């Protein structure tokens, strides 16, 4: 941009230098014409003609200086000037030259200076009209062409037309240069504006990145809050209840008091183990050490060994082609669902199946445990009685209000993560008992819409 601006300034400097040279030529030509006329007619000095010729010539120079002076000295004029202004300027010079030609035909050659002014203030094609008018006036007043035309007159006329044609071609070339310069100036302005808009977009992008980072922090805090609720929250609540029981049993039932102490210690140890596991996950992400399929298999097998489940796994190789952030979220969803089964389902058999279909990843996690919580079953029954499709509000809406019931943070966390992937969630209770969770997410990132979670009828149809 700096180079383009410098080129534009250099162009206008050359233009002003050309205009100055033309004005000096104008002065010299006018002085020579007046000298020749006054020298050939000394009688003009004895009447009003000599003074009039000198004054009109000076007036002609003043009109020219009025137009070109600001361009050279103050650098204010631009080409072409406004057409009304150009017509007034041309008319003044035309009339002055007309009066001079009427005083003496030899001064009709001053119209060549009017021709030069026409090229300086008019654009093609409008330039043709003042130029033609000045030419016809010059031919009528100069006497170089007589009627009927003779051979000499044809030669003079041909020379004039050749000179004017050369001048018109030069003017056309200069006009093209001016138009090209104007186009370059406009492109330079558009480039400057685009640069400003790009800087503004960079600023907004930086602000958006900061907001996204803050949102990511808030999401991580929400996740930690859910995990703390499901681990430390439950454990501390149970410890508090057992300590209250111990306070009442002291001195009354030592044997039961001893059992409660053992159970309280066991709850505390389990809470500490879960806390250590959560801290380990924060310190070293699982996916940084192994693939998604290996991480899911290791997680499911570890929980199955700890809880005594019969585990059925079906994992496709396409998992490795998912983007890293989507793999991380999918692993957290599976971990949350299996943790819910461990805490609440009392299951002996667990199915975990992943497969791809029509550009989407389908996940099914099913167990043969105690099934859905009573309040969720009540919502399901109410939805089925009303005959309305059970949407996400019927399943998750009450769980997100103030005072959620124990154990529901896992479902809310799964729902939020599925929505983050642009997927669909389906939760139902099969006819044979237990609970089944189905979710579908796009293999590539899709635009985020409102969550479309569905709660089906008990038959899981």
Protein backbone atom coordinates (compact mmCIF):
# COMPACT_ATOMS: atom_id res chain seq x y z
CA UNK A 1 0.00 0.00 0.00
CA UNK A 2 2.84 2.38 0.75
CA UNK A 3 4.38 1.65 -2.67
CA UNK A 4 1.05 2.28 -4.41
CA UNK A 5 0.58 5.57 -2.57
CA UNK A 6 4.11 6.64 -3.51
CA UNK A 7 3.43 5.77 -7.17
CA UNK A 8 0.26 7.87 -7.08
CA UNK A 9 2.10 10.85 -5.61
CA UNK A 10 4.82 10.50 -8.25
CA UNK A 11 2.21 10.45 -11.00
CA UNK A 12 0.61 13.69 -9.78
CA UNK A 13 4.03 15.35 -9.49
CA UNK A 14 4.71 14.57 -13.13
CA UNK A 15 1.26 15.86 -14.04
CA UNK A 16 1.84 19.17 -12.26
CA UNK A 17 5.25 19.52 -13.94
CA UNK A 18 3.62 18.94 -17.34
CA UNK A 19 0.98 21.57 -16.56
CA UNK A 20 3.64 24.08 -15.54
CA UNK A 21 5.54 23.49 -18.79
CA UNK A 22 2.34 23.98 -20.76
CA UNK A 23 1.57 27.25 -18.97
CA UNK A 24 5.08 28.58 -19.72
CA UNK A 25 4.61 27.63 -23.37
CA UNK A 26 1.25 29.42 -23.22
CA UNK A 27 2.91 32.65 -21.98
CA UNK A 28 5.68 32.50 -24.60
CA UNK A 29 3.26 31.77 -27.46
CA UNK A 30 0.91 34.58 -26.44
CA UNK A 31 3.80 37.04 -26.09
CA UNK A 32 5.18 36.09 -29.54
CA UNK A 33 1.74 36.44 -31.16
CA UNK A 34 1.20 39.88 -29.60
CA UNK A 35 4.70 41.00 -30.55
CA UNK A 36 4.26 39.94 -34.18
CA UNK A 37 0.89 41.66 -34.49
CA UNK A 38 1.92 44.89 -32.75
CA UNK A 39 5.24 45.02 -34.63
CA UNK A 40 3.50 44.61 -37.98
CA UNK A 41 0.93 47.31 -37.13
CA UNK A 42 2.68 50.21 -35.32
CA UNK A 43 -0.42 52.34 -35.75
CA UNK A 44 -2.09 50.27 -32.99
CA UNK A 45 0.05 52.11 -30.45
CA UNK A 46 -1.63 55.39 -31.45
CA UNK A 47 -5.16 54.19 -30.65
CA UNK A 48 -6.95 51.86 -28.26
CA UNK A 49 -6.01 48.60 -30.02
CA UNK A 50 -2.54 48.07 -28.53
CA UNK A 51 -3.70 48.62 -24.95
CA UNK A 52 -6.75 46.42 -25.52
CA UNK A 53 -4.67 43.61 -27.01
CA UNK A 54 -2.21 43.69 -24.09
CA UNK A 55 -4.99 43.82 -21.45
CA UNK A 56 -6.99 40.99 -23.08
CA UNK A 57 -3.83 38.87 -23.33
CA UNK A 58 -3.12 39.44 -19.65
CA UNK A 59 -6.76 38.59 -18.85
CA UNK A 60 -6.39 35.38 -20.86
CA UNK A 61 -3.31 34.49 -18.82
CA UNK A 62 -5.15 35.28 -15.55
CA UNK A 63 -8.01 32.95 -16.49
CA UNK A 64 -5.52 30.19 -17.19
CA UNK A 65 -3.67 30.89 -13.94
CA UNK A 66 -6.97 30.82 -12.02
CA UNK A 67 -7.45 27.22 -13.11
CA UNK A 68 -3.91 25.85 -13.10
CA UNK A 69 -2.50 27.85 -10.16
CA UNK A 70 -4.15 25.84 -7.33
CA UNK A 71 -3.11 22.59 -9.03
CA UNK A 72 0.55 23.59 -9.11
CA UNK A 73 0.81 25.55 -5.87
CA UNK A 74 -1.83 24.11 -3.52
CA UNK A 75 -2.33 20.69 -5.19
CA UNK A 76 -6.09 20.92 -4.86
CA UNK A 77 -7.41 20.42 -8.38
CA UNK A 78 -8.15 17.01 -9.82
CA UNK A 79 -8.83 16.03 -13.41
CA UNK A 80 -11.35 16.38 -14.93
CA UNK A 81 -12.99 19.36 -13.20
CA UNK A 82 -16.76 19.69 -12.90
CA UNK A 83 -18.33 20.20 -16.34
CA UNK A 84 -20.18 23.49 -15.53
CA UNK A 85 -16.94 24.97 -14.22
CA UNK A 86 -15.04 23.72 -17.29
CA UNK A 87 -17.64 25.20 -19.67
CA UNK A 88 -17.47 28.62 -17.96
CA UNK A 89 -13.67 28.57 -18.10
CA UNK A 90 -13.68 27.60 -21.80
CA UNK A 91 -16.33 30.20 -22.65
CA UNK A 92 -14.26 32.98 -21.03
CA UNK A 93 -11.14 32.05 -23.02
CA UNK A 94 -13.20 31.58 -26.21
CA UNK A 95 -14.77 35.03 -25.95
CA UNK A 96 -11.43 36.72 -25.14
CA UNK A 97 -9.83 35.10 -28.20
CA UNK A 98 -12.87 36.06 -30.28
CA UNK A 99 -12.44 39.73 -29.33
CA UNK A 100 -8.70 39.55 -30.06
CA UNK A 101 -9.35 37.95 -33.48
CA UNK A 102 -11.90 40.66 -34.28
CA UNK A 103 -9.27 43.33 -33.47
CA UNK A 104 -6.67 41.63 -35.68
CA UNK A 105 -6.97 38.39 -37.65
CA UNK A 106 -3.41 37.48 -36.78
CA UNK A 107 -4.50 37.00 -33.17
CA UNK A 108 -6.92 34.25 -34.26
CA UNK A 109 -3.97 31.88 -33.76
CA UNK A 110 -4.57 32.32 -30.02
CA UNK A 111 -7.32 29.76 -30.50
CA UNK A 112 -4.56 27.12 -30.47
CA UNK A 113 -4.20 27.95 -26.82
CA UNK A 114 -7.95 27.41 -26.42
CA UNK A 115 -7.48 24.01 -28.06
CA UNK A 116 -4.89 23.16 -25.40
CA UNK A 117 -7.27 24.30 -22.66
CA UNK A 118 -10.00 22.04 -24.07
CA UNK A 119 -7.70 19.03 -23.76
CA UNK A 120 -6.88 20.04 -20.18
CA UNK A 121 -10.43 20.44 -18.83
CA UNK A 122 -12.72 18.13 -20.87
CA UNK A 123 -12.99 14.35 -21.20
CA UNK A 124 -13.75 12.36 -24.28
CA UNK A 125 -16.26 12.23 -25.90
CA UNK A 126 -17.56 15.63 -24.69
CA UNK A 127 -14.20 17.14 -25.70
CA UNK A 128 -15.22 16.95 -29.38
CA UNK A 129 -17.86 19.71 -29.11
CA UNK A 130 -15.86 22.63 -27.65
CA UNK A 131 -12.91 21.56 -29.80
CA UNK A 132 -15.00 21.60 -32.99
CA UNK A 133 -16.55 24.95 -32.08
CA UNK A 134 -13.11 26.49 -31.48
CA UNK A 135 -11.77 25.03 -34.75
CA UNK A 136 -14.63 26.40 -36.87
CA UNK A 137 -14.26 29.84 -35.27
CA UNK A 138 -10.52 29.78 -35.94
CA UNK A 139 -11.05 28.83 -39.61
CA UNK A 140 -13.62 31.61 -40.11
CA UNK A 141 -11.58 34.35 -38.43
CA UNK A 142 -7.99 33.47 -39.38
CA UNK A 143 -8.44 33.70 -43.16
CA UNK A 144 -6.14 30.73 -43.82
CA UNK A 145 -8.93 29.00 -45.77
CA UNK A 146 -10.81 30.75 -48.61
CA UNK A 147 -13.93 29.81 -50.48
CA UNK A 148 -13.87 28.32 -53.03
CA UNK A 149 -11.11 26.08 -51.74
CA UNK A 150 -7.81 26.09 -53.61
CA UNK A 151 -4.97 23.63 -53.51
CA UNK A 152 -3.06 25.67 -50.92
CA UNK A 153 -6.18 25.89 -48.77
CA UNK A 154 -6.53 22.13 -48.87
CA UNK A 155 -2.92 21.75 -47.73
CA UNK A 156 -3.42 24.17 -44.84
CA UNK A 157 -6.69 22.48 -43.88
CA UNK A 158 -5.07 19.05 -44.05
CA UNK A 159 -2.21 20.22 -41.84
CA UNK A 160 -4.65 21.62 -39.29
CA UNK A 161 -6.70 18.46 -39.26
CA UNK A 162 -3.54 16.36 -38.91
CA UNK A 163 -2.39 18.49 -35.96
CA UNK A 164 -5.78 18.29 -34.29
CA UNK A 165 -5.99 14.53 -34.88
CA UNK A 166 -2.58 14.05 -33.25
CA UNK A 167 -3.70 16.21 -30.32
CA UNK A 168 -6.94 14.23 -29.95
CA UNK A 169 -5.04 10.93 -29.95
CA UNK A 170 -2.66 12.32 -27.32
CA UNK A 171 -5.59 13.53 -25.25
CA UNK A 172 -7.25 10.13 -25.52
CA UNK A 173 -4.03 8.43 -24.35
CA UNK A 174 -3.69 10.84 -21.40
CA UNK A 175 -7.34 10.29 -20.51
CA UNK A 176 -6.77 6.55 -20.47
CA UNK A 177 -3.81 7.07 -18.14
CA UNK A 178 -5.96 9.21 -15.85
CA UNK A 179 -8.74 6.60 -15.81
CA UNK A 180 -6.22 3.89 -15.01
CA UNK A 181 -4.82 6.02 -12.21
CA UNK A 182 -8.32 6.61 -10.83
CA UNK A 183 -8.99 2.88 -10.96
CA UNK A 184 -5.73 2.18 -9.13
CA UNK A 185 -6.63 4.79 -6.53
CA UNK A 186 -10.04 3.20 -6.03
CA UNK A 187 -8.46 -0.24 -5.71
CA UNK A 188 -6.00 1.19 -3.21
CA UNK A 189 -8.87 2.61 -1.15
CA UNK A 190 -10.73 -0.70 -1.31
CA UNK A 191 -7.56 -2.51 -0.26
CA UNK A 192 -7.12 -0.13 2.66
CA UNK A 193 -10.73 -0.65 3.69
CA UNK A 194 -10.37 -4.42 3.36
CA UNK A 195 -7.23 -4.24 5.49
CA UNK A 196 -9.15 -2.31 8.15
CA UNK A 197 -11.99 -4.83 8.02
CA UNK A 198 -9.47 -7.66 8.28
CA UNK A 199 -7.93 -6.07 11.36
CA UNK A 200 -11.41 -5.70 12.86
CA UNK A 201 -12.14 -9.35 12.04
CA UNK A 202 -8.87 -10.38 13.71
CA UNK A 203 -9.85 -8.37 16.77
CA UNK A 204 -13.27 -10.01 16.89
CA UNK A 205 -11.69 -13.42 16.35
CA UNK A 206 -9.32 -12.83 19.24
CA UNK A 207 -12.27 -11.75 21.38
CA UNK A 208 -14.24 -14.81 20.28
CA UNK A 209 -11.28 -17.06 21.08
CA UNK A 210 -11.06 -15.52 24.54
CA UNK A 211 -14.80 -16.06 25.05
CA UNK A 212 -14.51 -19.64 23.78
CA UNK A 213 -11.65 -20.23 26.18
CA UNK A 214 -13.73 -18.83 29.03
CA UNK A 215 -16.64 -21.05 27.96
CA UNK A 216 -14.33 -24.06 27.92
CA UNK A 217 -13.24 -23.21 31.46
CA UNK A 218 -16.87 -22.96 32.55
CA UNK A 219 -17.65 -26.32 30.91
CA UNK A 220 -14.72 -27.91 32.68
CA UNK A 221 -15.89 -26.44 35.97
CA UNK A 222 -19.37 -27.86 35.32
CA UNK A 223 -17.87 -31.27 34.58
CA UNK A 224 -15.79 -31.17 37.76
CA UNK A 225 -18.90 -30.12 39.71
CA UNK A 226 -20.78 -33.14 38.33
CA UNK A 227 -17.97 -35.53 39.16
CA UNK A 228 -17.53 -34.07 42.65
CA UNK A 229 -21.27 -34.39 43.22
CA UNK A 230 -21.30 -38.00 42.08
CA UNK A 231 -18.21 -38.96 44.13
CA UNK A 232 -17.37 -36.74 47.05
CA UNK A 233 -20.91 -35.38 47.39
CA UNK A 234 -22.51 -38.78 47.78
CA UNK A 235 -19.69 -40.09 49.95
CA UNK A 236 -19.70 -37.10 52.31
CA UNK A 237 -23.49 -37.23 52.59
CA UNK A 238 -23.33 -40.92 53.51
CA UNK A 239 -20.47 -40.34 55.97
CA UNK A 240 -22.43 -37.52 57.59
CA UNK A 241 -25.48 -39.76 58.02
CA UNK A 242 -23.41 -42.61 59.45
CA UNK A 243 -21.62 -40.29 61.87
CA UNK A 244 -24.97 -39.08 63.11
CA UNK A 245 -25.97 -42.74 63.62
CA UNK A 246 -22.71 -43.40 65.43
CA UNK A 247 -23.28 -40.45 67.75
CA UNK A 248 -26.61 -41.95 68.79
CA UNK A 249 -25.33 -45.53 69.08
CA UNK A 250 -22.35 -44.75 71.27
CA UNK A 251 -22.96 -46.48 74.62
CA UNK A 252 -26.13 -48.21 73.44
CA UNK A 253 -25.14 -50.79 70.81
CA UNK A 254 -21.35 -51.22 70.59
CA UNK A 255 -21.58 -54.07 68.05
CA UNK A 256 -23.69 -52.08 65.57
CA UNK A 257 -21.52 -49.04 66.23
CA UNK A 258 -18.48 -51.08 65.20
CA UNK A 259 -20.22 -52.20 61.97
CA UNK A 260 -21.14 -48.63 61.12
CA UNK A 261 -17.54 -47.55 61.66
CA UNK A 262 -16.31 -50.27 59.27
CA UNK A 263 -18.89 -49.25 56.65
CA UNK A 264 -17.98 -45.58 57.05
CA UNK A 265 -14.30 -46.39 56.56
CA UNK A 266 -15.17 -48.36 53.42
CA UNK A 267 -17.18 -45.45 52.00
CA UNK A 268 -14.28 -43.11 52.76
CA UNK A 269 -11.75 -45.41 51.05
CA UNK A 270 -13.95 -45.70 47.94
CA UNK A 271 -14.35 -41.92 47.81
CA UNK A 272 -10.59 -41.49 48.08
CA UNK A 273 -10.02 -44.02 45.27
CA UNK A 274 -12.48 -42.21 43.02
CA UNK A 275 -10.87 -38.87 43.87
CA UNK A 276 -7.41 -40.25 42.99
CA UNK A 277 -8.77 -41.62 39.70
CA UNK A 278 -10.31 -38.23 38.83
CA UNK A 279 -7.04 -36.45 39.63
CA UNK A 280 -5.12 -38.95 37.49
CA UNK A 281 -7.44 -38.28 34.56
CA UNK A 282 -6.85 -34.56 34.92
CA UNK A 283 -3.09 -34.97 35.07
CA UNK A 284 -2.62 -37.39 32.15
CA UNK A 285 -5.43 -37.70 29.55
CA UNK A 286 -6.09 -41.31 28.58
CA UNK A 287 -6.20 -40.57 24.85
CA UNK A 288 -2.69 -39.15 24.99
CA UNK A 289 -1.43 -42.64 25.90
CA UNK A 290 -3.59 -44.93 23.74
CA UNK A 291 -6.24 -44.96 20.99
CA UNK A 292 -9.95 -44.36 21.60
CA UNK A 293 -10.86 -48.03 21.05
CA UNK A 294 -8.21 -49.15 23.52
CA UNK A 295 -9.30 -46.55 26.06
CA UNK A 296 -12.99 -47.57 25.80
CA UNK A 297 -12.14 -51.28 26.03
CA UNK A 298 -9.82 -50.75 29.02
CA UNK A 299 -12.42 -48.60 30.82
CA UNK A 300 -15.26 -51.08 30.26
CA UNK A 301 -13.15 -54.09 31.20
CA UNK A 302 -11.86 -52.41 34.36
CA UNK A 303 -15.39 -51.55 35.53
CA UNK A 304 -16.65 -55.02 34.56
CA UNK A 305 -13.90 -56.65 36.62
CA UNK A 306 -14.62 -54.42 39.59
CA UNK A 307 -18.42 -54.84 39.48
CA UNK A 308 -18.61 -58.44 38.26
CA UNK A 309 -20.43 -57.68 35.00
CA UNK A 310 -20.68 -59.93 32.02
CA UNK A 311 -19.39 -57.55 29.33
CA UNK A 312 -20.17 -57.60 25.60
CA UNK A 313 -18.05 -55.19 23.52
CA UNK A 314 -18.41 -54.31 19.84
CA UNK A 315 -16.02 -51.52 18.74
CA UNK A 316 -15.37 -50.56 15.07
CA UNK A 317 -11.96 -49.47 13.72
CA UNK A 318 -13.46 -46.15 12.45
CA UNK A 319 -13.10 -44.71 15.93
CA UNK A 320 -9.50 -43.76 15.21
CA UNK A 321 -10.55 -41.40 12.40
CA UNK A 322 -12.66 -39.15 14.62
CA UNK A 323 -11.23 -35.69 15.46
CA UNK A 324 -9.35 -35.63 18.76
CA UNK A 325 -11.80 -33.38 20.61
CA UNK A 326 -14.76 -35.57 19.56
CA UNK A 327 -12.92 -38.69 20.72
CA UNK A 328 -12.37 -37.06 24.12
CA UNK A 329 -16.06 -36.11 24.50
CA UNK A 330 -17.23 -39.56 23.35
CA UNK A 331 -14.95 -41.25 25.89
CA UNK A 332 -16.38 -39.05 28.66
CA UNK A 333 -19.95 -39.93 27.60
CA UNK A 334 -19.16 -43.67 27.75
CA UNK A 335 -17.40 -43.24 31.08
CA UNK A 336 -20.37 -41.30 32.51
CA UNK A 337 -22.87 -43.92 31.31
CA UNK A 338 -20.84 -46.86 32.68
CA UNK A 339 -20.33 -45.01 35.98
CA UNK A 340 -24.11 -44.55 36.27
CA UNK A 341 -24.58 -48.28 35.70
CA UNK A 342 -22.00 -49.04 38.38
CA UNK A 343 -23.62 -46.73 40.94
CA UNK A 344 -27.32 -47.18 40.31
CA UNK A 345 -28.16 -50.14 38.03
CA UNK A 346 -27.07 -53.18 40.12
CA UNK A 347 -26.54 -54.93 36.78
CA UNK A 348 -24.88 -58.25 35.99
CA UNK A 349 -24.74 -57.89 32.20
CA UNK A 350 -23.66 -54.86 30.17
CA UNK A 351 -23.63 -54.33 26.40
CA UNK A 352 -21.52 -51.62 24.74
CA UNK A 353 -21.80 -51.41 20.96
CA UNK A 354 -20.44 -48.83 18.52
CA UNK A 355 -21.05 -48.83 14.76
CA UNK A 356 -21.20 -46.35 11.87
CA UNK A 357 -24.23 -45.83 9.66
CA UNK A 358 -24.94 -43.13 7.03
CA UNK A 359 -22.14 -40.87 8.18
CA UNK A 360 -23.07 -41.09 11.86
CA UNK A 361 -21.66 -42.96 14.83
CA UNK A 362 -24.26 -45.00 16.72
CA UNK A 363 -23.61 -45.88 20.39
CA UNK A 364 -25.69 -48.33 22.42
CA UNK A 365 -25.12 -49.02 26.11
CA UNK A 366 -27.58 -51.43 27.76
CA UNK A 367 -27.76 -53.26 31.09
CA UNK A 368 -30.07 -55.70 32.84
CA UNK A 369 -30.23 -53.75 36.10
CA UNK A 370 -33.05 -52.16 38.06
CA UNK A 371 -33.99 -49.79 35.25
CA UNK A 372 -34.80 -46.11 35.14
CA UNK A 373 -35.44 -44.05 38.29
CA UNK A 374 -39.07 -43.89 39.43
CA UNK A 375 -39.49 -40.19 38.61
CA UNK A 376 -38.24 -40.77 35.06
CA UNK A 377 -40.63 -43.73 34.67
CA UNK A 378 -43.43 -41.50 35.88
CA UNK A 379 -42.57 -38.89 33.26
CA UNK A 380 -42.48 -41.63 30.62
CA UNK A 381 -45.89 -42.92 31.63
CA UNK A 382 -47.36 -39.39 31.60
CA UNK A 383 -45.94 -38.73 28.13
CA UNK A 384 -47.37 -41.97 26.80
CA UNK A 385 -50.82 -41.24 28.30
CA UNK A 386 -50.89 -37.80 26.69
CA UNK A 387 -50.00 -39.29 23.31
CA UNK A 388 -47.36 -36.61 22.72
CA UNK A 389 -43.83 -37.39 21.57
CA UNK A 390 -41.53 -37.42 24.54
CA UNK A 391 -38.91 -34.78 23.92
CA UNK A 392 -35.94 -33.64 25.86
CA UNK A 393 -37.93 -31.33 28.11
CA UNK A 394 -39.98 -34.20 29.53
CA UNK A 395 -36.87 -36.17 30.32
CA UNK A 396 -34.30 -33.58 31.29
CA UNK A 397 -36.16 -30.35 31.96
CA UNK A 398 -37.01 -30.93 35.65
CA UNK A 399 -33.54 -32.29 36.27
CA UNK A 400 -31.88 -29.00 35.39
CA UNK A 401 -33.92 -26.85 37.72
CA UNK A 402 -32.88 -25.89 41.21
CA UNK A 403 -32.76 -28.85 43.51
CA UNK A 404 -32.16 -31.81 41.25
CA UNK A 405 -32.55 -35.23 42.72
CA UNK A 406 -29.53 -37.36 43.61
CA UNK A 407 -27.93 -39.17 40.74
CA UNK A 408 -29.34 -37.05 37.93
CA UNK A 409 -26.17 -35.07 37.25
CA UNK A 410 -24.83 -37.98 35.20
CA UNK A 411 -27.79 -37.83 32.79
CA UNK A 412 -27.48 -34.05 32.53
CA UNK A 413 -23.78 -34.36 31.78
CA UNK A 414 -24.40 -36.94 29.04
CA UNK A 415 -27.08 -34.75 27.50
CA UNK A 416 -24.84 -31.66 27.45
CA UNK A 417 -21.97 -33.54 25.82
CA UNK A 418 -24.23 -35.13 23.18
CA UNK A 419 -25.57 -31.67 22.35
CA UNK A 420 -22.00 -30.38 22.09
CA UNK A 421 -21.34 -32.98 19.38
CA UNK A 422 -24.56 -32.10 17.52
CA UNK A 423 -26.02 -35.55 18.24
CA UNK A 424 -29.29 -37.14 19.38
CA UNK A 425 -29.92 -38.98 22.65
CA UNK A 426 -32.47 -41.74 23.28
CA UNK A 427 -33.09 -43.33 26.68
CA UNK A 428 -35.55 -46.14 27.29
CA UNK A 429 -36.34 -49.14 29.45
CA UNK A 430 -36.50 -52.45 27.52
CA UNK A 431 -39.32 -54.89 28.11
CA UNK A 432 -36.91 -57.35 29.73
CA UNK A 433 -35.83 -54.77 32.31
CA UNK A 434 -32.76 -52.68 32.80
CA UNK A 435 -31.97 -49.51 30.87
CA UNK A 436 -30.76 -48.76 27.36
CA UNK A 437 -29.04 -45.60 26.15
CA UNK A 438 -28.79 -44.92 22.40
CA UNK A 439 -27.08 -41.92 20.93
CA UNK A 440 -26.20 -40.87 17.40
CA UNK A 441 -23.52 -38.30 16.53
CA UNK A 442 -22.15 -37.15 13.15
CA UNK A 443 -18.71 -38.41 12.24
CA UNK A 444 -17.75 -34.87 11.27
CA UNK A 445 -18.59 -31.66 13.07
CA UNK A 446 -22.17 -30.53 12.40
CA UNK A 447 -23.90 -27.20 13.16
CA UNK A 448 -25.19 -27.12 16.71
CA UNK A 449 -28.94 -27.09 17.06
CA UNK A 450 -31.32 -27.40 19.96
CA UNK A 451 -30.84 -30.80 21.64
CA UNK A 452 -33.14 -33.45 20.23
CA UNK A 453 -33.16 -35.99 23.05
CA UNK A 454 -35.93 -38.58 22.87
CA UNK A 455 -37.41 -40.82 25.52
CA UNK A 456 -39.13 -43.80 23.91
CA UNK A 457 -41.71 -46.23 25.21
CA UNK A 458 -40.67 -49.11 27.49
CA UNK A 459 -40.38 -51.53 24.58
CA UNK A 460 -37.46 -49.62 23.05
CA UNK A 461 -39.11 -49.89 19.64
